[in-house]
Amino acid sequence: MASYQIEFKSSALKELERLPRQIVPRAIAAIRGLAENPYPQGVKKLAGFERTYRVRVGEYRILYEIHDNRLIIEIIRVKHRKDVYKR
């Protein structure tokens, strides 16, 4: 299986920088793991979206899109579970 390339929306990078210090290493490890396995244990597909998924990191969620045809994973949001689904 080929490795995926990870890309961030600029807003997702800002959200990652604002996370509590103890969560950041776990979130980065989860994101790096997506490059090898975009469908890890515990992943959920979001209803109403064609290729958007979420993975849990404690009380935080990482929302991402998988572009299989280009082998790219785009990180969309990284926020606390109470705020991540709000627009």
C-alpha atoms as a PDB file:
ATOM      1  CA  MET A   1       0.000   0.000   0.000  1.00  0.00           C
ATOM      2  CA  ALA A   2       1.369   3.407  -0.977  1.00  0.00           C
ATOM      3  CA  SER A   3       1.931   6.123   1.576  1.00  0.00           C
ATOM      4  CA  TYR A   4      -0.366   9.147   1.504  1.00  0.00           C
ATOM      5  CA  GLN A   5       0.839  12.727   1.588  1.00  0.00           C
ATOM      6  CA  ILE A   6      -0.548  14.896   4.400  1.00  0.00           C
ATOM      7  CA  GLU A   7      -1.742  18.429   3.605  1.00  0.00           C
ATOM      8  CA  PHE A   8      -3.236  20.955   6.016  1.00  0.00           C
ATOM      9  CA  LYS A   9      -5.734  23.716   5.475  1.00  0.00           C
ATOM     10  CA  SER A  10      -4.220  26.886   6.900  1.00  0.00           C
ATOM     11  CA  SER A  11      -7.058  27.110   9.432  1.00  0.00           C
ATOM     12  CA  ALA A  12      -6.344  23.548  10.613  1.00  0.00           C
ATOM     13  CA  LEU A  13      -2.691  24.447  11.246  1.00  0.00           C
ATOM     14  CA  LYS A  14      -3.780  27.402  13.365  1.00  0.00           C
ATOM     15  CA  GLU A  15      -6.177  25.169  15.306  1.00  0.00           C
ATOM     16  CA  LEU A  16      -3.383  22.643  15.900  1.00  0.00           C
ATOM     17  CA  GLU A  17      -1.146  25.397  17.285  1.00  0.00           C
ATOM     18  CA  ARG A  18      -3.899  26.449  19.738  1.00  0.00           C
ATOM     19  CA  LEU A  19      -4.350  22.992  21.260  1.00  0.00           C
ATOM     20  CA  PRO A  20      -3.166  22.364  24.823  1.00  0.00           C
ATOM     21  CA  ARG A  21       0.517  21.392  24.945  1.00  0.00           C
ATOM     22  CA  GLN A  22      -0.135  17.876  26.226  1.00  0.00           C
ATOM     23  CA  ILE A  23      -2.468  17.093  23.293  1.00  0.00           C
ATOM     24  CA  VAL A  24      -0.253  18.345  20.443  1.00  0.00           C
ATOM     25  CA  PRO A  25       2.183  15.362  20.360  1.00  0.00           C
ATOM     26  CA  ARG A  26      -0.717  12.885  20.381  1.00  0.00           C
ATOM     27  CA  ALA A  27      -2.510  14.784  17.604  1.00  0.00           C
ATOM     28  CA  ILE A  28       0.637  14.938  15.461  1.00  0.00           C
ATOM     29  CA  ALA A  29       1.243  11.211  15.985  1.00  0.00           C
ATOM     30  CA  ALA A  30      -2.347  10.463  14.910  1.00  0.00           C
ATOM     31  CA  ILE A  31      -1.960  12.653  11.817  1.00  0.00           C
ATOM     32  CA  ARG A  32       1.342  11.001  10.854  1.00  0.00           C
ATOM     33  CA  GLY A  33      -0.296   7.602  11.269  1.00  0.00           C
ATOM     34  CA  LEU A  34      -2.928   8.579   8.711  1.00  0.00           C
ATOM     35  CA  ALA A  35      -0.213   8.687   6.020  1.00  0.00           C
ATOM     36  CA  GLU A  36       0.291   4.934   6.374  1.00  0.00           C
ATOM     37  CA  ASN A  37      -3.275   3.955   7.250  1.00  0.00           C
ATOM     38  CA  PRO A  38      -5.999   6.496   6.353  1.00  0.00           C
ATOM     39  CA  TYR A  39      -8.644   4.225   7.927  1.00  0.00           C
ATOM     40  CA  PRO A  40      -7.267   3.518  11.441  1.00  0.00           C
ATOM     41  CA  GLN A  41      -9.216   1.748  14.150  1.00  0.00           C
ATOM     42  CA  GLY A  42     -11.952   4.010  15.487  1.00  0.00           C
ATOM     43  CA  VAL A  43     -12.266   6.167  12.361  1.00  0.00           C
ATOM     44  CA  LYS A  44     -15.789   7.359  11.513  1.00  0.00           C
ATOM     45  CA  LYS A  45     -17.126   8.618   8.197  1.00  0.00           C
ATOM     46  CA  LEU A  46     -19.098  11.830   8.599  1.00  0.00           C
ATOM     47  CA  ALA A  47     -22.711  11.623   7.466  1.00  0.00           C
ATOM     48  CA  GLY A  48     -23.578  13.884   4.559  1.00  0.00           C
ATOM     49  CA  PHE A  49     -20.010  14.061   3.226  1.00  0.00           C
ATOM     50  CA  GLU A  50     -18.555  11.988   0.436  1.00  0.00           C
ATOM     51  CA  ARG A  51     -14.975  11.551   1.668  1.00  0.00           C
ATOM     52  CA  THR A  52     -14.704  13.249   5.074  1.00  0.00           C
ATOM     53  CA  TYR A  53     -13.701  11.249   8.152  1.00  0.00           C
ATOM     54  CA  ARG A  54     -12.865  11.920  11.783  1.00  0.00           C
ATOM     55  CA  VAL A  55     -10.510  10.353  14.253  1.00  0.00           C
ATOM     56  CA  ARG A  56     -10.490  10.861  18.028  1.00  0.00           C
ATOM     57  CA  VAL A  57      -7.545  12.030  20.093  1.00  0.00           C
ATOM     58  CA  GLY A  58      -8.900  12.136  23.630  1.00  0.00           C
ATOM     59  CA  GLU A  59     -11.468  14.947  23.828  1.00  0.00           C
ATOM     60  CA  TYR A  60     -10.304  16.325  20.468  1.00  0.00           C
ATOM     61  CA  ARG A  61     -11.233  15.423  16.907  1.00  0.00           C
ATOM     62  CA  ILE A  62      -9.266  15.531  13.670  1.00  0.00           C
ATOM     63  CA  LEU A  63     -11.436  15.938  10.578  1.00  0.00           C
ATOM     64  CA  TYR A  64      -9.860  15.011   7.275  1.00  0.00           C
ATOM     65  CA  GLU A  65     -10.649  14.237   3.640  1.00  0.00           C
ATOM     66  CA  ILE A  66      -9.129  11.342   1.734  1.00  0.00           C
ATOM     67  CA  HIS A  67      -8.295  11.877  -1.945  1.00  0.00           C
ATOM     68  CA  ASP A  68      -7.494   8.311  -3.061  1.00  0.00           C
ATOM     69  CA  ASN A  69      -6.879   9.220  -6.693  1.00  0.00           C
ATOM     70  CA  ARG A  70      -3.997  11.561  -5.699  1.00  0.00           C
ATOM     71  CA  LEU A  71      -2.925   9.759  -2.474  1.00  0.00           C
ATOM     72  CA  ILE A  72      -3.523  12.896  -0.390  1.00  0.00           C
ATOM     73  CA  ILE A  73      -5.050  13.335   3.043  1.00  0.00           C
ATOM     74  CA  GLU A  74      -6.191  16.894   3.725  1.00  0.00           C
ATOM     75  CA  ILE A  75      -6.552  17.854   7.394  1.00  0.00           C
ATOM     76  CA  ILE A  76      -9.608  20.119   7.651  1.00  0.00           C
ATOM     77  CA  ARG A  77     -10.088  20.777  11.386  1.00  0.00           C
ATOM     78  CA  VAL A  78      -8.435  19.961  14.712  1.00  0.00           C
ATOM     79  CA  LYS A  79     -10.611  21.072  17.643  1.00  0.00           C
ATOM     80  CA  HIS A  80     -12.318  20.034  20.853  1.00  0.00           C
ATOM     81  CA  ARG A  81     -15.281  17.739  20.292  1.00  0.00           C
ATOM     82  CA  LYS A  82     -17.791  20.385  21.424  1.00  0.00           C
ATOM     83  CA  ASP A  83     -16.597  22.846  18.744  1.00  0.00           C
ATOM     84  CA  VAL A  84     -15.326  20.779  15.829  1.00  0.00           C
ATOM     85  CA  TYR A  85     -18.648  20.313  14.021  1.00  0.00           C
ATOM     86  CA  LYS A  86     -19.766  23.957  14.300  1.00  0.00           C
ATOM     87  CA  ARG A  87     -19.392  26.153  11.222  1.00  0.00           C
END
